[in-house]
C-alpha atoms as a PDB file:
ATOM      1  CA  UNK A   1     -15.909 -34.161  -6.079  1.00  0.00           C
ATOM      2  CA  UNK A   2     -14.350 -30.527  -6.109  1.00  0.00           C
ATOM      3  CA  UNK A   3     -10.635 -29.812  -6.633  1.00  0.00           C
ATOM      4  CA  UNK A   4      -8.639 -27.203  -5.369  1.00  0.00           C
ATOM      5  CA  UNK A   5      -7.703 -24.479  -7.424  1.00  0.00           C
ATOM      6  CA  UNK A   6      -4.987 -21.684  -7.552  1.00  0.00           C
ATOM      7  CA  UNK A   7      -5.199 -18.104  -9.849  1.00  0.00           C
ATOM      8  CA  UNK A   8      -3.928 -19.171 -13.537  1.00  0.00           C
ATOM      9  CA  UNK A   9      -0.959 -16.258 -13.341  1.00  0.00           C
ATOM     10  CA  UNK A  10       0.302 -14.030 -11.287  1.00  0.00           C
ATOM     11  CA  UNK A  11      -0.790  -9.733 -10.772  1.00  0.00           C
ATOM     12  CA  UNK A  12       0.717  -7.366  -9.051  1.00  0.00           C
ATOM     13  CA  UNK A  13      -0.658  -3.714  -7.364  1.00  0.00           C
ATOM     14  CA  UNK A  14       0.709  -1.114  -4.840  1.00  0.00           C
ATOM     15  CA  UNK A  15      -1.114   0.899  -2.836  1.00  0.00           C
ATOM     16  CA  UNK A  16      -0.361   2.123   1.122  1.00  0.00           C
ATOM     17  CA  UNK A  17      -1.119   0.537   4.144  1.00  0.00           C
ATOM     18  CA  UNK A  18      -4.376   1.895   6.341  1.00  0.00           C
ATOM     19  CA  UNK A  19      -2.472   1.899   9.432  1.00  0.00           C
ATOM     20  CA  UNK A  20       1.037   1.890   8.765  1.00  0.00           C
ATOM     21  CA  UNK A  21       0.454   4.488   6.084  1.00  0.00           C
ATOM     22  CA  UNK A  22       3.645   3.159   4.700  1.00  0.00           C
ATOM     23  CA  UNK A  23       3.960   2.175   0.479  1.00  0.00           C
ATOM     24  CA  UNK A  24       3.156  -1.671  -0.602  1.00  0.00           C
ATOM     25  CA  UNK A  25       4.030  -3.636  -3.674  1.00  0.00           C
ATOM     26  CA  UNK A  26       2.156  -7.204  -3.584  1.00  0.00           C
ATOM     27  CA  UNK A  27       2.208  -9.886  -5.765  1.00  0.00           C
ATOM     28  CA  UNK A  28      -0.270 -12.524  -5.723  1.00  0.00           C
ATOM     29  CA  UNK A  29       0.938 -16.079  -7.074  1.00  0.00           C
ATOM     30  CA  UNK A  30      -0.110 -19.240  -8.191  1.00  0.00           C
ATOM     31  CA  UNK A  31       0.771 -22.499  -5.661  1.00  0.00           C
ATOM     32  CA  UNK A  32       0.739 -25.456  -5.401  1.00  0.00           C
ATOM     33  CA  UNK A  33      -2.059 -27.671  -3.741  1.00  0.00           C
ATOM     34  CA  UNK A  34      -2.097 -27.700  -0.089  1.00  0.00           C
ATOM     35  CA  UNK A  35      -0.275 -24.705  -0.024  1.00  0.00           C
ATOM     36  CA  UNK A  36      -2.985 -22.757   1.163  1.00  0.00           C
ATOM     37  CA  UNK A  37      -2.347 -18.796   1.570  1.00  0.00           C
ATOM     38  CA  UNK A  38       1.266 -18.003   2.436  1.00  0.00           C
ATOM     39  CA  UNK A  39       2.948 -14.312   3.033  1.00  0.00           C
ATOM     40  CA  UNK A  40       6.174 -13.804   1.389  1.00  0.00           C
ATOM     41  CA  UNK A  41       7.705 -10.665   3.398  1.00  0.00           C
ATOM     42  CA  UNK A  42      10.207  -9.896  -0.017  1.00  0.00           C
ATOM     43  CA  UNK A  43      11.552  -7.208   2.438  1.00  0.00           C
ATOM     44  CA  UNK A  44      13.137  -9.800   4.619  1.00  0.00           C
ATOM     45  CA  UNK A  45      14.796 -12.020   2.715  1.00  0.00           C
ATOM     46  CA  UNK A  46      11.245 -13.970   1.556  1.00  0.00           C
ATOM     47  CA  UNK A  47      10.481 -15.132   4.809  1.00  0.00           C
ATOM     48  CA  UNK A  48       6.938 -16.802   5.076  1.00  0.00           C
ATOM     49  CA  UNK A  49       4.469 -16.476   7.177  1.00  0.00           C
ATOM     50  CA  UNK A  50       1.768 -18.961   6.801  1.00  0.00           C
ATOM     51  CA  UNK A  51      -2.585 -17.473   6.982  1.00  0.00           C
ATOM     52  CA  UNK A  52      -3.419 -19.726   9.863  1.00  0.00           C
ATOM     53  CA  UNK A  53      -4.831 -18.771  13.620  1.00  0.00           C
ATOM     54  CA  UNK A  54      -1.884 -19.706  15.571  1.00  0.00           C
ATOM     55  CA  UNK A  55       0.011 -17.367  13.638  1.00  0.00           C
ATOM     56  CA  UNK A  56      -2.802 -14.497  14.646  1.00  0.00           C
ATOM     57  CA  UNK A  57      -0.994 -11.998  16.880  1.00  0.00           C
ATOM     58  CA  UNK A  58      -2.856  -8.742  17.107  1.00  0.00           C
ATOM     59  CA  UNK A  59      -6.705  -8.186  16.372  1.00  0.00           C
ATOM     60  CA  UNK A  60      -6.977  -4.338  16.967  1.00  0.00           C
ATOM     61  CA  UNK A  61      -8.841  -2.861  13.916  1.00  0.00           C
ATOM     62  CA  UNK A  62      -7.152  -5.292  11.677  1.00  0.00           C
ATOM     63  CA  UNK A  63      -5.828  -9.286  11.579  1.00  0.00           C
ATOM     64  CA  UNK A  64      -2.063  -9.183  11.941  1.00  0.00           C
ATOM     65  CA  UNK A  65      -0.125 -12.264  11.333  1.00  0.00           C
ATOM     66  CA  UNK A  66       3.210 -13.168  13.046  1.00  0.00           C
ATOM     67  CA  UNK A  67       5.989 -15.351  13.107  1.00  0.00           C
ATOM     68  CA  UNK A  68       9.415 -15.370  14.764  1.00  0.00           C
ATOM     69  CA  UNK A  69       8.335 -11.677  15.429  1.00  0.00           C
ATOM     70  CA  UNK A  70       7.697 -11.147  11.327  1.00  0.00           C
ATOM     71  CA  UNK A  71       4.229  -9.080  10.926  1.00  0.00           C
ATOM     72  CA  UNK A  72       2.063  -8.844   7.862  1.00  0.00           C
ATOM     73  CA  UNK A  73      -0.750  -6.466   8.811  1.00  0.00           C
ATOM     74  CA  UNK A  74      -4.705  -5.832   7.765  1.00  0.00           C
ATOM     75  CA  UNK A  75      -4.768  -9.311   5.816  1.00  0.00           C
ATOM     76  CA  UNK A  76      -8.448  -9.635   5.778  1.00  0.00           C
ATOM     77  CA  UNK A  77      -9.291  -7.821   2.624  1.00  0.00           C
ATOM     78  CA  UNK A  78      -7.396  -9.917   0.642  1.00  0.00           C
ATOM     79  CA  UNK A  79      -7.834 -13.249   2.078  1.00  0.00           C
ATOM     80  CA  UNK A  80     -11.807 -12.623   2.107  1.00  0.00           C
ATOM     81  CA  UNK A  81     -11.494 -12.421  -1.862  1.00  0.00           C
ATOM     82  CA  UNK A  82      -9.324 -14.876  -2.327  1.00  0.00           C
ATOM     83  CA  UNK A  83     -11.862 -17.271   0.031  1.00  0.00           C
ATOM     84  CA  UNK A  84     -14.617 -15.775  -1.386  1.00  0.00           C
ATOM     85  CA  UNK A  85     -13.551 -16.226  -5.426  1.00  0.00           C
ATOM     86  CA  UNK A  86     -12.776 -19.958  -4.551  1.00  0.00           C
ATOM     87  CA  UNK A  87      -9.124 -19.868  -4.627  1.00  0.00           C
ATOM     88  CA  UNK A  88      -7.091 -22.000  -2.211  1.00  0.00           C
ATOM     89  CA  UNK A  89      -4.171 -21.638  -3.150  1.00  0.00           C
ATOM     90  CA  UNK A  90      -1.722 -18.370  -3.302  1.00  0.00           C
ATOM     91  CA  UNK A  91       1.750 -16.737  -2.877  1.00  0.00           C
ATOM     92  CA  UNK A  92       1.364 -13.374  -1.616  1.00  0.00           C
ATOM     93  CA  UNK A  93       4.518 -11.530  -1.664  1.00  0.00           C
ATOM     94  CA  UNK A  94       4.290  -8.093   0.122  1.00  0.00           C
ATOM     95  CA  UNK A  95       7.561  -5.494   0.790  1.00  0.00           C
ATOM     96  CA  UNK A  96       6.099  -4.238   3.558  1.00  0.00           C
ATOM     97  CA  UNK A  97       4.265  -4.449   7.131  1.00  0.00           C
ATOM     98  CA  UNK A  98       0.751  -4.129   5.982  1.00  0.00           C
ATOM     99  CA  UNK A  99      -1.187  -5.679   2.985  1.00  0.00           C
ATOM    100  CA  UNK A 100      -2.855  -2.213   1.355  1.00  0.00           C
ATOM    101  CA  UNK A 101      -5.931  -0.844   1.329  1.00  0.00           C
ATOM    102  CA  UNK A 102      -6.750   0.189  -1.731  1.00  0.00           C
ATOM    103  CA  UNK A 103     -10.665   1.455  -1.894  1.00  0.00           C
ATOM    104  CA  UNK A 104     -11.195   0.214   1.561  1.00  0.00           C
ATOM    105  CA  UNK A 105     -13.366  -3.148   0.344  1.00  0.00           C
ATOM    106  CA  UNK A 106     -12.520  -6.345  -1.157  1.00  0.00           C
ATOM    107  CA  UNK A 107     -13.464  -5.435  -5.077  1.00  0.00           C
ATOM    108  CA  UNK A 108      -9.763  -4.176  -6.507  1.00  0.00           C
ATOM    109  CA  UNK A 109      -8.553  -7.814  -5.497  1.00  0.00           C
ATOM    110  CA  UNK A 110     -11.183  -9.570  -6.814  1.00  0.00           C
ATOM    111  CA  UNK A 111     -10.771  -7.853 -10.696  1.00  0.00           C
ATOM    112  CA  UNK A 112      -7.762  -8.768 -10.371  1.00  0.00           C
ATOM    113  CA  UNK A 113      -7.985 -12.510  -9.227  1.00  0.00           C
ATOM    114  CA  UNK A 114     -10.691 -12.614 -12.047  1.00  0.00           C
ATOM    115  CA  UNK A 115      -8.391 -11.246 -14.493  1.00  0.00           C
ATOM    116  CA  UNK A 116      -5.744 -13.578 -13.736  1.00  0.00           C
ATOM    117  CA  UNK A 117      -8.431 -16.654 -13.543  1.00  0.00           C
ATOM    118  CA  UNK A 118      -8.795 -19.712 -11.638  1.00  0.00           C
ATOM    119  CA  UNK A 119      -7.415 -23.002 -12.602  1.00  0.00           C
ATOM    120  CA  UNK A 120      -8.107 -26.172 -11.081  1.00  0.00           C
ATOM    121  CA  UNK A 121      -5.469 -28.360  -9.301  1.00  0.00           C
ATOM    122  CA  UNK A 122      -4.975 -32.562  -9.364  1.00  0.00           C
ATOM    123  CA  UNK A 123      -6.064 -32.379  -5.571  1.00  0.00           C
ATOM    124  CA  UNK A 124      -9.056 -32.949  -3.943  1.00  0.00           C
ATOM    125  CA  UNK A 125     -10.418 -30.041  -2.012  1.00  0.00           C
ATOM    126  CA  UNK A 126     -10.681 -30.373   1.321  1.00  0.00           C
ATOM    127  CA  UNK A 127     -13.851 -29.170   3.748  1.00  0.00           C
ATOM    128  CA  UNK A 128     -14.233 -28.828   7.103  1.00  0.00           C
ATOM    129  CA  UNK A 129     -17.539 -29.703   8.478  1.00  0.00           C
ATOM    130  CA  UNK A 130     -18.976 -28.475  11.645  1.00  0.00           C
ATOM    131  CA  UNK A 131     -20.343 -31.365  13.894  1.00  0.00           C
ATOM    132  CA  UNK A 132     -21.523 -29.288  16.980  1.00  0.00           C
ATOM    133  CA  UNK A 133     -22.526 -25.657  17.632  1.00  0.00           C
ATOM    134  CA  UNK A 134     -19.350 -23.526  19.029  1.00  0.00           C
ATOM    135  CA  UNK A 135     -20.234 -19.874  20.410  1.00  0.00           C
ATOM    136  CA  UNK A 136     -17.751 -17.497  21.637  1.00  0.00           C
ATOM    137  CA  UNK A 137     -18.876 -13.962  23.257  1.00  0.00           C
ATOM    138  CA  UNK A 138     -17.194 -10.886  24.982  1.00  0.00           C
ATOM    139  CA  UNK A 139     -19.536  -8.553  26.763  1.00  0.00           C
ATOM    140  CA  UNK A 140     -22.480  -7.540  24.675  1.00  0.00           C
ATOM    141  CA  UNK A 141     -20.821  -9.380  21.308  1.00  0.00           C
ATOM    142  CA  UNK A 142     -21.545 -12.871  20.791  1.00  0.00           C
ATOM    143  CA  UNK A 143     -20.757 -14.986  17.600  1.00  0.00           C
ATOM    144  CA  UNK A 144     -21.413 -18.773  17.047  1.00  0.00           C
ATOM    145  CA  UNK A 145     -21.296 -21.383  14.340  1.00  0.00           C
ATOM    146  CA  UNK A 146     -23.589 -24.781  13.906  1.00  0.00           C
ATOM    147  CA  UNK A 147     -23.862 -27.556  11.179  1.00  0.00           C
ATOM    148  CA  UNK A 148     -25.160 -26.562   7.801  1.00  0.00           C
ATOM    149  CA  UNK A 149     -24.258 -27.764   4.589  1.00  0.00           C
ATOM    150  CA  UNK A 150     -22.851 -25.005   2.799  1.00  0.00           C
ATOM    151  CA  UNK A 151     -20.955 -21.703   3.966  1.00  0.00           C
ATOM    152  CA  UNK A 152     -23.455 -19.466   5.255  1.00  0.00           C
ATOM    153  CA  UNK A 153     -23.328 -15.959   7.644  1.00  0.00           C
ATOM    154  CA  UNK A 154     -25.849 -14.330   9.342  1.00  0.00           C
ATOM    155  CA  UNK A 155     -24.755 -10.510  10.886  1.00  0.00           C
ATOM    156  CA  UNK A 156     -25.806  -8.226  12.988  1.00  0.00           C
ATOM    157  CA  UNK A 157     -24.741  -4.476  13.448  1.00  0.00           C
ATOM    158  CA  UNK A 158     -25.747  -1.873  15.730  1.00  0.00           C
ATOM    159  CA  UNK A 159     -23.924   1.528  15.827  1.00  0.00           C
ATOM    160  CA  UNK A 160     -25.918   4.650  17.434  1.00  0.00           C
ATOM    161  CA  UNK A 161     -25.783   6.783  13.725  1.00  0.00           C
ATOM    162  CA  UNK A 162     -28.667   7.865  11.609  1.00  0.00           C
ATOM    163  CA  UNK A 163     -27.014   5.714   8.921  1.00  0.00           C
ATOM    164  CA  UNK A 164     -26.459   2.418  10.472  1.00  0.00           C
ATOM    165  CA  UNK A 165     -28.154   1.500  13.434  1.00  0.00           C
ATOM    166  CA  UNK A 166     -29.406  -1.846  13.573  1.00  0.00           C
ATOM    167  CA  UNK A 167     -28.754  -3.412   9.832  1.00  0.00           C
ATOM    168  CA  UNK A 168     -28.720  -7.286   9.289  1.00  0.00           C
ATOM    169  CA  UNK A 169     -28.000  -9.486   6.469  1.00  0.00           C
ATOM    170  CA  UNK A 170     -27.513 -13.172   5.226  1.00  0.00           C
ATOM    171  CA  UNK A 171     -25.634 -14.172   2.691  1.00  0.00           C
ATOM    172  CA  UNK A 172     -24.664 -17.657   1.118  1.00  0.00           C
ATOM    173  CA  UNK A 173     -21.894 -18.573  -1.176  1.00  0.00           C
ATOM    174  CA  UNK A 174     -23.041 -20.723  -4.258  1.00  0.00           C
ATOM    175  CA  UNK A 175     -24.120 -18.360  -6.610  1.00  0.00           C
ATOM    176  CA  UNK A 176     -21.689 -15.646  -7.233  1.00  0.00           C
ATOM    177  CA  UNK A 177     -23.169 -13.582  -4.528  1.00  0.00           C
ATOM    178  CA  UNK A 178     -19.322 -12.759  -2.425  1.00  0.00           C
ATOM    179  CA  UNK A 179     -18.593 -10.969  -5.752  1.00  0.00           C
ATOM    180  CA  UNK A 180     -21.774  -8.493  -6.486  1.00  0.00           C
ATOM    181  CA  UNK A 181     -23.108  -8.460  -2.516  1.00  0.00           C
ATOM    182  CA  UNK A 182     -20.231  -8.502  -0.438  1.00  0.00           C
ATOM    183  CA  UNK A 183     -16.760  -7.484  -2.145  1.00  0.00           C
ATOM    184  CA  UNK A 184     -17.019  -3.716  -3.100  1.00  0.00           C
ATOM    185  CA  UNK A 185     -18.468  -2.682   0.554  1.00  0.00           C
ATOM    186  CA  UNK A 186     -15.792  -0.653   1.963  1.00  0.00           C
ATOM    187  CA  UNK A 187     -14.315  -0.687   5.684  1.00  0.00           C
ATOM    188  CA  UNK A 188     -15.624   2.556   7.728  1.00  0.00           C
ATOM    189  CA  UNK A 189     -14.724   4.791  10.648  1.00  0.00           C
ATOM    190  CA  UNK A 190     -15.737   7.736  13.084  1.00  0.00           C
ATOM    191  CA  UNK A 191     -14.237  10.811  12.524  1.00  0.00           C
ATOM    192  CA  UNK A 192     -14.101  11.707  16.314  1.00  0.00           C
ATOM    193  CA  UNK A 193     -12.245   8.438  16.902  1.00  0.00           C
ATOM    194  CA  UNK A 194      -9.399   9.596  14.096  1.00  0.00           C
ATOM    195  CA  UNK A 195      -7.372  11.593  16.518  1.00  0.00           C
ATOM    196  CA  UNK A 196      -7.451   8.675  19.319  1.00  0.00           C
ATOM    197  CA  UNK A 197      -6.695   6.279  16.463  1.00  0.00           C
ATOM    198  CA  UNK A 198      -3.509   8.144  15.497  1.00  0.00           C
ATOM    199  CA  UNK A 199      -2.259   8.631  18.702  1.00  0.00           C
ATOM    200  CA  UNK A 200      -2.231   4.922  19.133  1.00  0.00           C
ATOM    201  CA  UNK A 201      -0.521   4.267  15.531  1.00  0.00           C
ATOM    202  CA  UNK A 202      -3.280   3.244  13.930  1.00  0.00           C
ATOM    203  CA  UNK A 203      -5.319   4.825  10.692  1.00  0.00           C
ATOM    204  CA  UNK A 204      -2.036   7.177   9.401  1.00  0.00           C
ATOM    205  CA  UNK A 205      -2.832   6.234   5.867  1.00  0.00           C
ATOM    206  CA  UNK A 206      -6.880   6.079   6.119  1.00  0.00           C
ATOM    207  CA  UNK A 207      -8.499   8.873   3.744  1.00  0.00           C
ATOM    208  CA  UNK A 208     -11.697   9.368   1.878  1.00  0.00           C
ATOM    209  CA  UNK A 209     -10.450   7.556  -0.643  1.00  0.00           C
ATOM    210  CA  UNK A 210     -10.206   4.057   1.523  1.00  0.00           C
ATOM    211  CA  UNK A 211     -12.772   4.421   4.035  1.00  0.00           C
ATOM    212  CA  UNK A 212     -16.281   5.633   4.554  1.00  0.00           C
ATOM    213  CA  UNK A 213     -15.333   8.559   7.136  1.00  0.00           C
ATOM    214  CA  UNK A 214     -18.790   8.784   8.925  1.00  0.00           C
ATOM    215  CA  UNK A 215     -19.659  12.482  11.149  1.00  0.00           C
ATOM    216  CA  UNK A 216     -22.029  12.557  14.088  1.00  0.00           C
ATOM    217  CA  UNK A 217     -24.802  12.816  11.225  1.00  0.00           C
ATOM    218  CA  UNK A 218     -23.726  11.910   7.982  1.00  0.00           C
ATOM    219  CA  UNK A 219     -20.240  10.875   5.493  1.00  0.00           C
ATOM    220  CA  UNK A 220     -17.696  12.840   4.328  1.00  0.00           C
ATOM    221  CA  UNK A 221     -17.201  11.067   1.289  1.00  0.00           C
ATOM    222  CA  UNK A 222     -17.959  12.386  -1.770  1.00  0.00           C
ATOM    223  CA  UNK A 223     -18.833   8.932  -2.940  1.00  0.00           C
ATOM    224  CA  UNK A 224     -22.066   7.963  -1.837  1.00  0.00           C
ATOM    225  CA  UNK A 225     -22.707   4.683  -0.087  1.00  0.00           C
ATOM    226  CA  UNK A 226     -22.626   1.732  -2.572  1.00  0.00           C
ATOM    227  CA  UNK A 227     -25.266  -0.006  -0.710  1.00  0.00           C
ATOM    228  CA  UNK A 228     -27.746   1.393   1.965  1.00  0.00           C
ATOM    229  CA  UNK A 229     -26.644  -1.494   4.194  1.00  0.00           C
ATOM    230  CA  UNK A 230     -22.532  -1.335   3.068  1.00  0.00           C
ATOM    231  CA  UNK A 231     -21.942  -1.379   6.879  1.00  0.00           C
ATOM    232  CA  UNK A 232     -23.074  -4.733   7.767  1.00  0.00           C
ATOM    233  CA  UNK A 233     -21.780  -5.964   4.541  1.00  0.00           C
ATOM    234  CA  UNK A 234     -18.177  -4.833   4.902  1.00  0.00           C
ATOM    235  CA  UNK A 235     -18.095  -6.886   8.556  1.00  0.00           C
ATOM    236  CA  UNK A 236     -19.368  -9.970   6.792  1.00  0.00           C
ATOM    237  CA  UNK A 237     -16.467  -9.282   4.303  1.00  0.00           C
ATOM    238  CA  UNK A 238     -13.858  -9.414   7.330  1.00  0.00           C
ATOM    239  CA  UNK A 239     -15.569 -12.313   8.933  1.00  0.00           C
ATOM    240  CA  UNK A 240     -14.648 -14.106   5.088  1.00  0.00           C
ATOM    241  CA  UNK A 241     -11.043 -13.003   5.794  1.00  0.00           C
ATOM    242  CA  UNK A 242     -10.782 -13.921   9.372  1.00  0.00           C
ATOM    243  CA  UNK A 243     -12.303 -17.220   8.857  1.00  0.00           C
ATOM    244  CA  UNK A 244     -10.189 -17.662   5.595  1.00  0.00           C
ATOM    245  CA  UNK A 245      -7.436 -17.955   8.152  1.00  0.00           C
ATOM    246  CA  UNK A 246      -8.843 -21.769   9.089  1.00  0.00           C
ATOM    247  CA  UNK A 247      -6.870 -23.322   5.890  1.00  0.00           C
ATOM    248  CA  UNK A 248      -9.933 -24.645   3.858  1.00  0.00           C
ATOM    249  CA  UNK A 249     -13.780 -23.972   3.133  1.00  0.00           C
ATOM    250  CA  UNK A 250     -16.093 -24.244   5.978  1.00  0.00           C
ATOM    251  CA  UNK A 251     -19.585 -26.249   5.674  1.00  0.00           C
ATOM    252  CA  UNK A 252     -21.544 -24.042   8.823  1.00  0.00           C
ATOM    253  CA  UNK A 253     -23.581 -21.592   9.633  1.00  0.00           C
ATOM    254  CA  UNK A 254     -21.985 -18.587  11.179  1.00  0.00           C
ATOM    255  CA  UNK A 255     -24.045 -16.128  13.185  1.00  0.00           C
ATOM    256  CA  UNK A 256     -22.444 -12.810  14.339  1.00  0.00           C
ATOM    257  CA  UNK A 257     -23.881  -9.875  16.530  1.00  0.00           C
ATOM    258  CA  UNK A 258     -21.615  -7.142  16.643  1.00  0.00           C
ATOM    259  CA  UNK A 259     -18.624  -9.073  16.010  1.00  0.00           C
ATOM    260  CA  UNK A 260     -15.191  -7.686  15.188  1.00  0.00           C
ATOM    261  CA  UNK A 261     -11.844  -9.077  14.341  1.00  0.00           C
ATOM    262  CA  UNK A 262     -10.821 -10.287  17.964  1.00  0.00           C
ATOM    263  CA  UNK A 263     -14.163 -12.365  18.192  1.00  0.00           C
ATOM    264  CA  UNK A 264     -13.529 -13.996  14.804  1.00  0.00           C
ATOM    265  CA  UNK A 265     -10.448 -15.182  15.518  1.00  0.00           C
ATOM    266  CA  UNK A 266     -11.214 -16.688  18.845  1.00  0.00           C
ATOM    267  CA  UNK A 267     -14.352 -18.784  17.244  1.00  0.00           C
ATOM    268  CA  UNK A 268     -11.915 -20.103  14.864  1.00  0.00           C
ATOM    269  CA  UNK A 269      -9.861 -20.952  17.798  1.00  0.00           C
ATOM    270  CA  UNK A 270     -12.369 -22.380  19.747  1.00  0.00           C
ATOM    271  CA  UNK A 271     -13.895 -24.751  17.214  1.00  0.00           C
ATOM    272  CA  UNK A 272     -10.505 -25.995  15.969  1.00  0.00           C
ATOM    273  CA  UNK A 273      -9.577 -26.884  19.589  1.00  0.00           C
ATOM    274  CA  UNK A 274     -12.560 -28.700  20.065  1.00  0.00           C
ATOM    275  CA  UNK A 275     -11.873 -31.380  18.109  1.00  0.00           C
ATOM    276  CA  UNK A 276     -15.439 -32.910  18.431  1.00  0.00           C
ATOM    277  CA  UNK A 277     -17.034 -30.048  16.687  1.00  0.00           C
ATOM    278  CA  UNK A 278     -15.538 -30.592  13.207  1.00  0.00           C
ATOM    279  CA  UNK A 279     -14.301 -33.218  10.982  1.00  0.00           C
ATOM    280  CA  UNK A 280     -12.941 -32.718   7.245  1.00  0.00           C
ATOM    281  CA  UNK A 281     -14.603 -34.202   4.228  1.00  0.00           C
ATOM    282  CA  UNK A 282     -13.470 -33.763   0.301  1.00  0.00           C
ATOM    283  CA  UNK A 283     -17.287 -32.823  -0.953  1.00  0.00           C
ATOM    284  CA  UNK A 284     -20.830 -32.070   0.087  1.00  0.00           C
ATOM    285  CA  UNK A 285     -23.374 -34.881   1.989  1.00  0.00           C
END
């Protein structure tokens, strides 16, 4: 039977918020069993916001949590890293309204987690086992989850751009694939949409250091793509981060087609509302 985990010691970093352009300091601390992931706004008297589906407030271009009017934005990359590394419990102290974007991927978070170490706690790890297929859709976007003996993701994206087009990738998580295949994949955006986003208060901290900037036929970045299909890999990174809001590892096969943060959280909420669609188990069958 596997046990719950947390990080071996605290670690800190700093950066800029992708959308707010605000400087921010983050300290991730070990936490006892059954804590899950809890954000703590140190600039607001240590107000705590658990990473849970009921606290999702906005899903436009990032996942934002809110509790009693207090927000923490762009949580998905850090949650993805914690989940992908197998960390069940952590306190995340943040002194601004947005988690820093760092290099646009989860790689720096993974490096910090690995340096801090991961320790087992004296409590069994619970899994959410999917018992029947659940599907959500919105226009030409669709996402589903179905029973499986492990956590698997099959993802497809489709963008009318010469570097993207239709990309598909499937991944499982038993062999450390997350660290090498998913964590380094960066977020991306289209230069022609940037002005519109900034007029709407988004992407104000975006730069060539923290995102792939797509022109009509290429990229502006001097750093080449880290993978030929970096775009679909980053989408998987986002899915992992958004589904980490479940509060426990999932045993199920996720299929996503042209999905986004809104669909990710809609699938999780729809699944959890259907009490016949899942059970909590304390190990693999």
